[in-house]
Amino acid sequence: MTTATDNIPIGDERFRKVQIERPTPDIDLAKLEKFYDRHRKAVKKYQEKNKEQLKEKQKKYMSKLKEDKERYSQHLEKRRNYYNNILMPRKKQKLEEEHEAKKTTLVI
């Protein structure tokens, strides 16, 4: 399929990466932050109101995920990596800070 004007194929990948320069709009970040906060509050309210419905959705999602062995193994790997790379270092750091705080507050 070609366009009527320049005979360039519409699905041709070479022409999809053309960048059109547009002026950047002046965005009011305060408005965006307010919008984001309102959205978060609305989502929280919805989740508190519909706990049972969300539990059902999560059960369906997990059962579908477990059926697909490859995706489920990727999911488990992500969880393992998150625990080993993020949670454990945080926990160790917190314990060390608490230990240091106890050392400094110990009075003999």
PDB file of N, CA and C in Angstrom:
ATOM      1  N   MET A   1       0.853  -1.178   0.000  1.00  0.00           N
ATOM      2  CA  MET A   1       0.000   0.000   0.000  1.00  0.00           C
ATOM      3  C   MET A   1       0.900   1.242   0.000  1.00  0.00           C
ATOM      4  N   THR A   2       0.579   2.189  -0.835  1.00  0.00           N
ATOM      5  CA  THR A   2       1.374   3.408  -0.903  1.00  0.00           C
ATOM      6  C   THR A   2       0.482   4.616  -0.716  1.00  0.00           C
ATOM      7  N   THR A   3       1.117   5.693  -0.317  1.00  0.00           N
ATOM      8  CA  THR A   3       0.357   6.929  -0.179  1.00  0.00           C
ATOM      9  C   THR A   3       0.172   7.539  -1.553  1.00  0.00           C
ATOM     10  N   ALA A   4      -0.810   8.383  -1.686  1.00  0.00           N
ATOM     11  CA  ALA A   4      -1.128   8.957  -2.987  1.00  0.00           C
ATOM     12  C   ALA A   4      -0.107   9.993  -3.429  1.00  0.00           C
ATOM     13  N   THR A   5       0.570  10.636  -2.487  1.00  0.00           N
ATOM     14  CA  THR A   5       1.428  11.755  -2.863  1.00  0.00           C
ATOM     15  C   THR A   5       2.865  11.370  -3.161  1.00  0.00           C
ATOM     16  N   ASP A   6       3.480  10.524  -2.364  1.00  0.00           N
ATOM     17  CA  ASP A   6       4.909  10.310  -2.538  1.00  0.00           C
ATOM     18  C   ASP A   6       5.318   8.860  -2.743  1.00  0.00           C
ATOM     19  N   ASN A   7       4.385   7.956  -2.891  1.00  0.00           N
ATOM     20  CA  ASN A   7       4.655   6.549  -3.158  1.00  0.00           C
ATOM     21  C   ASN A   7       5.610   5.902  -2.149  1.00  0.00           C
ATOM     22  N   ILE A   8       5.566   6.331  -0.866  1.00  0.00           N
ATOM     23  CA  ILE A   8       6.323   5.694   0.204  1.00  0.00           C
ATOM     24  C   ILE A   8       5.405   4.682   0.868  1.00  0.00           C
ATOM     25  N   PRO A   9       5.861   3.445   0.984  1.00  0.00           N
ATOM     26  CA  PRO A   9       5.006   2.451   1.638  1.00  0.00           C
ATOM     27  C   PRO A   9       4.669   2.871   3.064  1.00  0.00           C
ATOM     28  N   ILE A  10       3.400   2.720   3.444  1.00  0.00           N
ATOM     29  CA  ILE A  10       2.944   3.162   4.760  1.00  0.00           C
ATOM     30  C   ILE A  10       3.577   2.336   5.866  1.00  0.00           C
ATOM     31  N   GLY A  11       3.737   1.042   5.680  1.00  0.00           N
ATOM     32  CA  GLY A  11       4.271   0.186   6.721  1.00  0.00           C
ATOM     33  C   GLY A  11       5.785   0.101   6.734  1.00  0.00           C
ATOM     34  N   ASP A  12       6.467   0.890   5.950  1.00  0.00           N
ATOM     35  CA  ASP A  12       7.920   0.819   5.851  1.00  0.00           C
ATOM     36  C   ASP A  12       8.563   1.317   7.139  1.00  0.00           C
ATOM     37  N   GLU A  13       9.407   0.481   7.761  1.00  0.00           N
ATOM     38  CA  GLU A  13      10.021   0.794   9.050  1.00  0.00           C
ATOM     39  C   GLU A  13      11.028   1.939   8.971  1.00  0.00           C
ATOM     40  N   ARG A  14      11.641   2.146   7.825  1.00  0.00           N
ATOM     41  CA  ARG A  14      12.661   3.183   7.702  1.00  0.00           C
ATOM     42  C   ARG A  14      12.103   4.571   7.961  1.00  0.00           C
ATOM     43  N   PHE A  15      10.822   4.753   7.709  1.00  0.00           N
ATOM     44  CA  PHE A  15      10.230   6.086   7.807  1.00  0.00           C
ATOM     45  C   PHE A  15       9.500   6.334   9.112  1.00  0.00           C
ATOM     46  N   ARG A  16       9.460   5.335   9.990  1.00  0.00           N
ATOM     47  CA  ARG A  16       8.770   5.517  11.263  1.00  0.00           C
ATOM     48  C   ARG A  16       9.600   6.292  12.268  1.00  0.00           C
ATOM     49  N   LYS A  17      10.892   6.348  12.116  1.00  0.00           N
ATOM     50  CA  LYS A  17      11.754   6.972  13.111  1.00  0.00           C
ATOM     51  C   LYS A  17      11.968   8.463  12.847  1.00  0.00           C
ATOM     52  N   VAL A  18      11.162   9.043  12.016  1.00  0.00           N
ATOM     53  CA  VAL A  18      11.281  10.468  11.719  1.00  0.00           C
ATOM     54  C   VAL A  18      10.809  11.255  12.931  1.00  0.00           C
ATOM     55  N   GLN A  19      11.648  12.149  13.414  1.00  0.00           N
ATOM     56  CA  GLN A  19      11.317  12.967  14.569  1.00  0.00           C
ATOM     57  C   GLN A  19      10.786  14.315  14.096  1.00  0.00           C
ATOM     58  N   ILE A  20       9.644  14.693  14.614  1.00  0.00           N
ATOM     59  CA  ILE A  20       9.085  15.999  14.308  1.00  0.00           C
ATOM     60  C   ILE A  20       9.326  16.879  15.518  1.00  0.00           C
ATOM     61  N   GLU A  21      10.006  17.981  15.304  1.00  0.00           N
ATOM     62  CA  GLU A  21      10.281  18.881  16.417  1.00  0.00           C
ATOM     63  C   GLU A  21       9.046  19.712  16.717  1.00  0.00           C
ATOM     64  N   ARG A  22       8.645  19.629  17.977  1.00  0.00           N
ATOM     65  CA  ARG A  22       7.492  20.394  18.423  1.00  0.00           C
ATOM     66  C   ARG A  22       7.944  21.280  19.577  1.00  0.00           C
ATOM     67  N   PRO A  23       7.371  22.444  19.696  1.00  0.00           N
ATOM     68  CA  PRO A  23       7.732  23.279  20.846  1.00  0.00           C
ATOM     69  C   PRO A  23       7.245  22.614  22.123  1.00  0.00           C
ATOM     70  N   THR A  24       8.070  22.641  23.163  1.00  0.00           N
ATOM     71  CA  THR A  24       7.668  22.031  24.427  1.00  0.00           C
ATOM     72  C   THR A  24       6.690  22.965  25.141  1.00  0.00           C
ATOM     73  N   PRO A  25       5.565  22.437  25.559  1.00  0.00           N
ATOM     74  CA  PRO A  25       4.583  23.294  26.232  1.00  0.00           C
ATOM     75  C   PRO A  25       5.044  23.616  27.652  1.00  0.00           C
ATOM     76  N   ASP A  26       4.647  24.777  28.123  1.00  0.00           N
ATOM     77  CA  ASP A  26       4.932  25.138  29.509  1.00  0.00           C
ATOM     78  C   ASP A  26       3.943  24.388  30.395  1.00  0.00           C
ATOM     79  N   ILE A  27       4.454  23.452  31.178  1.00  0.00           N
ATOM     80  CA  ILE A  27       3.612  22.607  32.008  1.00  0.00           C
ATOM     81  C   ILE A  27       3.694  23.100  33.441  1.00  0.00           C
ATOM     82  N   ASP A  28       2.539  23.281  34.048  1.00  0.00           N
ATOM     83  CA  ASP A  28       2.482  23.677  35.445  1.00  0.00           C
ATOM     84  C   ASP A  28       2.570  22.417  36.300  1.00  0.00           C
ATOM     85  N   LEU A  29       3.716  22.194  36.916  1.00  0.00           N
ATOM     86  CA  LEU A  29       3.928  20.975  37.686  1.00  0.00           C
ATOM     87  C   LEU A  29       3.031  20.899  38.907  1.00  0.00           C
ATOM     88  N   ALA A  30       2.687  22.016  39.479  1.00  0.00           N
ATOM     89  CA  ALA A  30       1.806  21.998  40.660  1.00  0.00           C
ATOM     90  C   ALA A  30       0.456  21.386  40.295  1.00  0.00           C
ATOM     91  N   LYS A  31      -0.065  21.731  39.125  1.00  0.00           N
ATOM     92  CA  LYS A  31      -1.348  21.164  38.700  1.00  0.00           C
ATOM     93  C   LYS A  31      -1.224  19.666  38.475  1.00  0.00           C
ATOM     94  N   LEU A  32      -0.119  19.255  37.864  1.00  0.00           N
ATOM     95  CA  LEU A  32       0.084  17.827  37.626  1.00  0.00           C
ATOM     96  C   LEU A  32       0.211  17.060  38.939  1.00  0.00           C
ATOM     97  N   GLU A  33       0.909  17.641  39.894  1.00  0.00           N
ATOM     98  CA  GLU A  33       1.052  16.977  41.190  1.00  0.00           C
ATOM     99  C   GLU A  33      -0.284  16.871  41.906  1.00  0.00           C
ATOM    100  N   LYS A  34      -1.093  17.920  41.818  1.00  0.00           N
ATOM    101  CA  LYS A  34      -2.428  17.872  42.425  1.00  0.00           C
ATOM    102  C   LYS A  34      -3.264  16.785  41.764  1.00  0.00           C
ATOM    103  N   PHE A  35      -3.196  16.725  40.434  1.00  0.00           N
ATOM    104  CA  PHE A  35      -3.946  15.713  39.693  1.00  0.00           C
ATOM    105  C   PHE A  35      -3.500  14.317  40.122  1.00  0.00           C
ATOM    106  N   TYR A  36      -2.187  14.123  40.217  1.00  0.00           N
ATOM    107  CA  TYR A  36      -1.634  12.832  40.610  1.00  0.00           C
ATOM    108  C   TYR A  36      -2.075  12.462  42.025  1.00  0.00           C
ATOM    109  N   ASP A  37      -2.043  13.418  42.950  1.00  0.00           N
ATOM    110  CA  ASP A  37      -2.472  13.149  44.325  1.00  0.00           C
ATOM    111  C   ASP A  37      -3.953  12.793  44.386  1.00  0.00           C
ATOM    112  N   ARG A  38      -4.772  13.538  43.640  1.00  0.00           N
ATOM    113  CA  ARG A  38      -6.208  13.225  43.619  1.00  0.00           C
ATOM    114  C   ARG A  38      -6.438  11.824  43.051  1.00  0.00           C
ATOM    115  N   HIS A  39      -5.692  11.492  42.008  1.00  0.00           N
ATOM    116  CA  HIS A  39      -5.836  10.173  41.392  1.00  0.00           C
ATOM    117  C   HIS A  39      -5.450   9.073  42.391  1.00  0.00           C
ATOM    118  N   ARG A  40      -4.333   9.251  43.088  1.00  0.00           N
ATOM    119  CA  ARG A  40      -3.901   8.268  44.083  1.00  0.00           C
ATOM    120  C   ARG A  40      -4.950   8.095  45.174  1.00  0.00           C
ATOM    121  N   LYS A  41      -5.520   9.200  45.639  1.00  0.00           N
ATOM    122  CA  LYS A  41      -6.544   9.117  46.689  1.00  0.00           C
ATOM    123  C   LYS A  41      -7.782   8.394  46.187  1.00  0.00           C
ATOM    124  N   ALA A  42      -8.158   8.668  44.943  1.00  0.00           N
ATOM    125  CA  ALA A  42      -9.331   8.010  44.374  1.00  0.00           C
ATOM    126  C   ALA A  42      -9.088   6.512  44.227  1.00  0.00           C
ATOM    127  N   VAL A  43      -7.910   6.132  43.800  1.00  0.00           N
ATOM    128  CA  VAL A  43      -7.582   4.710  43.664  1.00  0.00           C
ATOM    129  C   VAL A  43      -7.595   4.044  45.027  1.00  0.00           C
ATOM    130  N   LYS A  44      -7.018   4.691  46.023  1.00  0.00           N
ATOM    131  CA  LYS A  44      -6.994   4.141  47.380  1.00  0.00           C
ATOM    132  C   LYS A  44      -8.419   3.938  47.898  1.00  0.00           C
ATOM    133  N   LYS A  45      -9.256   4.940  47.679  1.00  0.00           N
ATOM    134  CA  LYS A  45     -10.647   4.865  48.127  1.00  0.00           C
ATOM    135  C   LYS A  45     -11.367   3.708  47.437  1.00  0.00           C
ATOM    136  N   TYR A  46     -11.147   3.582  46.120  1.00  0.00           N
ATOM    137  CA  TYR A  46     -11.769   2.492  45.351  1.00  0.00           C
ATOM    138  C   TYR A  46     -11.309   1.141  45.875  1.00  0.00           C
ATOM    139  N   GLN A  47     -10.011   1.006  46.145  1.00  0.00           N
ATOM    140  CA  GLN A  47      -9.482  -0.268  46.618  1.00  0.00           C
ATOM    141  C   GLN A  47     -10.010  -0.623  48.005  1.00  0.00           C
ATOM    142  N   GLU A  48     -10.157   0.376  48.866  1.00  0.00           N
ATOM    143  CA  GLU A  48     -10.714   0.122  50.197  1.00  0.00           C
ATOM    144  C   GLU A  48     -12.180  -0.277  50.108  1.00  0.00           C
ATOM    145  N   LYS A  49     -12.885   0.317  49.162  1.00  0.00           N
ATOM    146  CA  LYS A  49     -14.316   0.060  49.012  1.00  0.00           C
ATOM    147  C   LYS A  49     -14.585  -1.317  48.399  1.00  0.00           C
ATOM    148  N   ASN A  50     -13.703  -1.778  47.518  1.00  0.00           N
ATOM    149  CA  ASN A  50     -13.937  -3.009  46.753  1.00  0.00           C
ATOM    150  C   ASN A  50     -12.877  -4.073  47.036  1.00  0.00           C
ATOM    151  N   LYS A  51     -12.648  -4.372  48.298  1.00  0.00           N
ATOM    152  CA  LYS A  51     -11.610  -5.328  48.671  1.00  0.00           C
ATOM    153  C   LYS A  51     -11.854  -6.710  48.085  1.00  0.00           C
ATOM    154  N   GLU A  52     -13.081  -7.180  48.183  1.00  0.00           N
ATOM    155  CA  GLU A  52     -13.397  -8.527  47.703  1.00  0.00           C
ATOM    156  C   GLU A  52     -13.206  -8.636  46.190  1.00  0.00           C
ATOM    157  N   GLN A  53     -13.637  -7.620  45.478  1.00  0.00           N
ATOM    158  CA  GLN A  53     -13.494  -7.620  44.021  1.00  0.00           C
ATOM    159  C   GLN A  53     -12.011  -7.643  43.629  1.00  0.00           C
ATOM    160  N   LEU A  54     -11.203  -6.899  44.329  1.00  0.00           N
ATOM    161  CA  LEU A  54      -9.770  -6.863  44.031  1.00  0.00           C
ATOM    162  C   LEU A  54      -9.102  -8.189  44.381  1.00  0.00           C
ATOM    163  N   LYS A  55      -9.554  -8.837  45.447  1.00  0.00           N
ATOM    164  CA  LYS A  55      -9.023 -10.156  45.784  1.00  0.00           C
ATOM    165  C   LYS A  55      -9.307 -11.152  44.673  1.00  0.00           C
ATOM    166  N   GLU A  56     -10.534 -11.101  44.138  1.00  0.00           N
ATOM    167  CA  GLU A  56     -10.897 -11.997  43.049  1.00  0.00           C
ATOM    168  C   GLU A  56     -10.044 -11.742  41.813  1.00  0.00           C
ATOM    169  N   LYS A  57      -9.855 -10.462  41.488  1.00  0.00           N
ATOM    170  CA  LYS A  57      -9.023 -10.126  40.328  1.00  0.00           C
ATOM    171  C   LYS A  57      -7.605 -10.649  40.516  1.00  0.00           C
ATOM    172  N   GLN A  58      -7.059 -10.488  41.718  1.00  0.00           N
ATOM    173  CA  GLN A  58      -5.707 -10.951  41.991  1.00  0.00           C
ATOM    174  C   GLN A  58      -5.610 -12.467  41.896  1.00  0.00           C
ATOM    175  N   LYS A  59      -6.628 -13.173  42.392  1.00  0.00           N
ATOM    176  CA  LYS A  59      -6.629 -14.634  42.298  1.00  0.00           C
ATOM    177  C   LYS A  59      -6.647 -15.092  40.852  1.00  0.00           C
ATOM    178  N   LYS A  60      -7.497 -14.435  40.032  1.00  0.00           N
ATOM    179  CA  LYS A  60      -7.562 -14.782  38.615  1.00  0.00           C
ATOM    180  C   LYS A  60      -6.231 -14.523  37.930  1.00  0.00           C
ATOM    181  N   TYR A  61      -5.648 -13.374  38.235  1.00  0.00           N
ATOM    182  CA  TYR A  61      -4.363 -13.012  37.632  1.00  0.00           C
ATOM    183  C   TYR A  61      -3.287 -14.032  37.993  1.00  0.00           C
ATOM    184  N   MET A  62      -3.221 -14.401  39.272  1.00  0.00           N
ATOM    185  CA  MET A  62      -2.193 -15.344  39.706  1.00  0.00           C
ATOM    186  C   MET A  62      -2.425 -16.728  39.126  1.00  0.00           C
ATOM    187  N   SER A  63      -3.680 -17.149  39.020  1.00  0.00           N
ATOM    188  CA  SER A  63      -3.931 -18.473  38.446  1.00  0.00           C
ATOM    189  C   SER A  63      -3.544 -18.499  36.965  1.00  0.00           C
ATOM    190  N   LYS A  64      -3.836 -17.425  36.227  1.00  0.00           N
ATOM    191  CA  LYS A  64      -3.414 -17.354  34.823  1.00  0.00           C
ATOM    192  C   LYS A  64      -1.895 -17.317  34.715  1.00  0.00           C
ATOM    193  N   LEU A  65      -1.269 -16.591  35.622  1.00  0.00           N
ATOM    194  CA  LEU A  65       0.183 -16.488  35.611  1.00  0.00           C
ATOM    195  C   LEU A  65       0.817 -17.849  35.886  1.00  0.00           C
ATOM    196  N   LYS A  66       0.259 -18.601  36.831  1.00  0.00           N
ATOM    197  CA  LYS A  66       0.806 -19.913  37.162  1.00  0.00           C
ATOM    198  C   LYS A  66       0.621 -20.914  36.037  1.00  0.00           C
ATOM    199  N   GLU A  67      -0.411 -20.740  35.228  1.00  0.00           N
ATOM    200  CA  GLU A  67      -0.619 -21.631  34.086  1.00  0.00           C
ATOM    201  C   GLU A  67       0.481 -21.472  33.042  1.00  0.00           C
ATOM    202  N   ASP A  68       0.961 -20.256  32.860  1.00  0.00           N
ATOM    203  CA  ASP A  68       2.037 -19.994  31.907  1.00  0.00           C
ATOM    204  C   ASP A  68       3.369 -20.158  32.642  1.00  0.00           C
ATOM    205  N   LYS A  69       3.996 -21.307  32.479  1.00  0.00           N
ATOM    206  CA  LYS A  69       5.189 -21.654  33.260  1.00  0.00           C
ATOM    207  C   LYS A  69       6.332 -20.676  33.045  1.00  0.00           C
ATOM    208  N   GLU A  70       6.534 -20.227  31.828  1.00  0.00           N
ATOM    209  CA  GLU A  70       7.652 -19.314  31.547  1.00  0.00           C
ATOM    210  C   GLU A  70       7.476 -17.968  32.241  1.00  0.00           C
ATOM    211  N   ARG A  71       6.279 -17.395  32.106  1.00  0.00           N
ATOM    212  CA  ARG A  71       6.013 -16.111  32.764  1.00  0.00           C
ATOM    213  C   ARG A  71       6.082 -16.244  34.277  1.00  0.00           C
ATOM    214  N   TYR A  72       5.584 -17.368  34.806  1.00  0.00           N
ATOM    215  CA  TYR A  72       5.587 -17.565  36.251  1.00  0.00           C
ATOM    216  C   TYR A  72       7.016 -17.695  36.770  1.00  0.00           C
ATOM    217  N   SER A  73       7.868 -18.374  36.033  1.00  0.00           N
ATOM    218  CA  SER A  73       9.266 -18.497  36.472  1.00  0.00           C
ATOM    219  C   SER A  73       9.955 -17.127  36.432  1.00  0.00           C
ATOM    220  N   GLN A  74       9.633 -16.305  35.430  1.00  0.00           N
ATOM    221  CA  GLN A  74      10.178 -14.950  35.382  1.00  0.00           C
ATOM    222  C   GLN A  74       9.686 -14.131  36.574  1.00  0.00           C
ATOM    223  N   HIS A  75       8.414 -14.304  36.915  1.00  0.00           N
ATOM    224  CA  HIS A  75       7.831 -13.604  38.063  1.00  0.00           C
ATOM    225  C   HIS A  75       8.557 -13.987  39.353  1.00  0.00           C
ATOM    226  N   LEU A  76       8.782 -15.277  39.534  1.00  0.00           N
ATOM    227  CA  LEU A  76       9.473 -15.732  40.742  1.00  0.00           C
ATOM    228  C   LEU A  76      10.910 -15.224  40.784  1.00  0.00           C
ATOM    229  N   GLU A  77      11.564 -15.201  39.633  1.00  0.00           N
ATOM    230  CA  GLU A  77      12.936 -14.706  39.574  1.00  0.00           C
ATOM    231  C   GLU A  77      12.993 -13.225  39.952  1.00  0.00           C
ATOM    232  N   LYS A  78      12.030 -12.445  39.459  1.00  0.00           N
ATOM    233  CA  LYS A  78      11.966 -11.023  39.820  1.00  0.00           C
ATOM    234  C   LYS A  78      11.797 -10.852  41.321  1.00  0.00           C
ATOM    235  N   ARG A  79      10.930 -11.637  41.908  1.00  0.00           N
ATOM    236  CA  ARG A  79      10.700 -11.535  43.351  1.00  0.00           C
ATOM    237  C   ARG A  79      11.947 -11.913  44.134  1.00  0.00           C
ATOM    238  N   ARG A  80      12.643 -12.961  43.687  1.00  0.00           N
ATOM    239  CA  ARG A  80      13.881 -13.357  44.354  1.00  0.00           C
ATOM    240  C   ARG A  80      14.926 -12.258  44.257  1.00  0.00           C
ATOM    241  N   ASN A  81      15.069 -11.698  43.073  1.00  0.00           N
ATOM    242  CA  ASN A  81      16.057 -10.634  42.876  1.00  0.00           C
ATOM    243  C   ASN A  81      15.710  -9.415  43.708  1.00  0.00           C
ATOM    244  N   TYR A  82      14.432  -9.071  43.782  1.00  0.00           N
ATOM    245  CA  TYR A  82      14.019  -7.919  44.580  1.00  0.00           C
ATOM    246  C   TYR A  82      14.372  -8.147  46.048  1.00  0.00           C
ATOM    247  N   TYR A  83      14.109  -9.341  46.524  1.00  0.00           N
ATOM    248  CA  TYR A  83      14.416  -9.645  47.924  1.00  0.00           C
ATOM    249  C   TYR A  83      15.916  -9.581  48.171  1.00  0.00           C
ATOM    250  N   ASN A  84      16.680 -10.232  47.312  1.00  0.00           N
ATOM    251  CA  ASN A  84      18.128 -10.314  47.529  1.00  0.00           C
ATOM    252  C   ASN A  84      18.835  -8.987  47.286  1.00  0.00           C
ATOM    253  N   ASN A  85      18.391  -8.228  46.302  1.00  0.00           N
ATOM    254  CA  ASN A  85      19.110  -7.010  45.925  1.00  0.00           C
ATOM    255  C   ASN A  85      18.607  -5.746  46.610  1.00  0.00           C
ATOM    256  N   ILE A  86      17.367  -5.756  47.098  1.00  0.00           N
ATOM    257  CA  ILE A  86      16.807  -4.531  47.669  1.00  0.00           C
ATOM    258  C   ILE A  86      16.417  -4.711  49.134  1.00  0.00           C
ATOM    259  N   LEU A  87      15.599  -5.690  49.424  1.00  0.00           N
ATOM    260  CA  LEU A  87      15.106  -5.835  50.790  1.00  0.00           C
ATOM    261  C   LEU A  87      16.194  -6.243  51.779  1.00  0.00           C
ATOM    262  N   MET A  88      17.007  -7.215  51.420  1.00  0.00           N
ATOM    263  CA  MET A  88      18.060  -7.658  52.338  1.00  0.00           C
ATOM    264  C   MET A  88      19.060  -6.551  52.647  1.00  0.00           C
ATOM    265  N   PRO A  89      19.572  -5.807  51.635  1.00  0.00           N
ATOM    266  CA  PRO A  89      20.483  -4.702  51.983  1.00  0.00           C
ATOM    267  C   PRO A  89      19.827  -3.642  52.861  1.00  0.00           C
ATOM    268  N   ARG A  90      18.562  -3.337  52.616  1.00  0.00           N
ATOM    269  CA  ARG A  90      17.853  -2.366  53.465  1.00  0.00           C
ATOM    270  C   ARG A  90      17.772  -2.866  54.900  1.00  0.00           C
ATOM    271  N   LYS A  91      17.436  -4.145  55.025  1.00  0.00           N
ATOM    272  CA  LYS A  91      17.298  -4.730  56.358  1.00  0.00           C
ATOM    273  C   LYS A  91      18.630  -4.715  57.100  1.00  0.00           C
ATOM    274  N   LYS A  92      19.705  -5.072  56.385  1.00  0.00           N
ATOM    275  CA  LYS A  92      21.029  -5.056  57.019  1.00  0.00           C
ATOM    276  C   LYS A  92      21.421  -3.648  57.431  1.00  0.00           C
ATOM    277  N   GLN A  93      21.150  -2.680  56.568  1.00  0.00           N
ATOM    278  CA  GLN A  93      21.490  -1.291  56.878  1.00  0.00           C
ATOM    279  C   GLN A  93      20.705  -0.809  58.092  1.00  0.00           C
ATOM    280  N   LYS A  94      19.435  -1.140  58.146  1.00  0.00           N
ATOM    281  CA  LYS A  94      18.601  -0.726  59.271  1.00  0.00           C
ATOM    282  C   LYS A  94      19.100  -1.348  60.570  1.00  0.00           C
ATOM    283  N   LEU A  95      19.463  -2.631  60.539  1.00  0.00           N
ATOM    284  CA  LEU A  95      19.986  -3.289  61.734  1.00  0.00           C
ATOM    285  C   LEU A  95      21.299  -2.664  62.183  1.00  0.00           C
ATOM    286  N   GLU A  96      22.166  -2.350  61.225  1.00  0.00           N
ATOM    287  CA  GLU A  96      23.434  -1.708  61.570  1.00  0.00           C
ATOM    288  C   GLU A  96      23.205  -0.332  62.191  1.00  0.00           C
ATOM    289  N   GLU A  97      22.261   0.433  61.633  1.00  0.00           N
ATOM    290  CA  GLU A  97      21.961   1.753  62.193  1.00  0.00           C
ATOM    291  C   GLU A  97      21.415   1.634  63.615  1.00  0.00           C
ATOM    292  N   GLU A  98      20.537   0.663  63.829  1.00  0.00           N
ATOM    293  CA  GLU A  98      19.990   0.457  65.167  1.00  0.00           C
ATOM    294  C   GLU A  98      21.103   0.043  66.137  1.00  0.00           C
ATOM    295  N   HIS A  99      21.996  -0.799  65.654  1.00  0.00           N
ATOM    296  CA  HIS A  99      23.117  -1.249  66.494  1.00  0.00           C
ATOM    297  C   HIS A  99      24.023  -0.069  66.858  1.00  0.00           C
ATOM    298  N   GLU A 100      24.302   0.793  65.886  1.00  0.00           N
ATOM    299  CA  GLU A 100      25.116   1.978  66.148  1.00  0.00           C
ATOM    300  C   GLU A 100      24.419   2.929  67.118  1.00  0.00           C
ATOM    301  N   ALA A 101      23.105   3.051  66.984  1.00  0.00           N
ATOM    302  CA  ALA A 101      22.353   3.932  67.877  1.00  0.00           C
ATOM    303  C   ALA A 101      22.391   3.398  69.309  1.00  0.00           C
ATOM    304  N   LYS A 102      22.322   2.081  69.454  1.00  0.00           N
ATOM    305  CA  LYS A 102      22.389   1.492  70.791  1.00  0.00           C
ATOM    306  C   LYS A 102      23.764   1.695  71.411  1.00  0.00           C
ATOM    307  N   LYS A 103      24.810   1.633  70.590  1.00  0.00           N
ATOM    308  CA  LYS A 103      26.160   1.855  71.097  1.00  0.00           C
ATOM    309  C   LYS A 103      26.318   3.255  71.644  1.00  0.00           C
ATOM    310  N   THR A 104      25.769   4.227  70.939  1.00  0.00           N
ATOM    311  CA  THR A 104      25.938   5.616  71.349  1.00  0.00           C
ATOM    312  C   THR A 104      25.066   5.975  72.539  1.00  0.00           C
ATOM    313  N   THR A 105      23.955   5.282  72.735  1.00  0.00           N
ATOM    314  CA  THR A 105      23.077   5.634  73.848  1.00  0.00           C
ATOM    315  C   THR A 105      23.380   4.854  75.133  1.00  0.00           C
ATOM    316  N   LEU A 106      24.263   3.886  75.045  1.00  0.00           N
ATOM    317  CA  LEU A 106      24.599   3.082  76.211  1.00  0.00           C
ATOM    318  C   LEU A 106      25.416   3.913  77.195  1.00  0.00           C
ATOM    319  N   VAL A 107      24.897   4.047  78.411  1.00  0.00           N
ATOM    320  CA  VAL A 107      25.585   4.851  79.443  1.00  0.00           C
ATOM    321  C   VAL A 107      25.962   3.911  80.581  1.00  0.00           C
ATOM    322  N   ILE A 108      27.218   3.972  80.993  1.00  0.00           N
ATOM    323  CA  ILE A 108      27.686   3.112  82.089  1.00  0.00           C
ATOM    324  C   ILE A 108      28.023   3.962  83.293  1.00  0.00           C
TER     325      ILE A 108
END
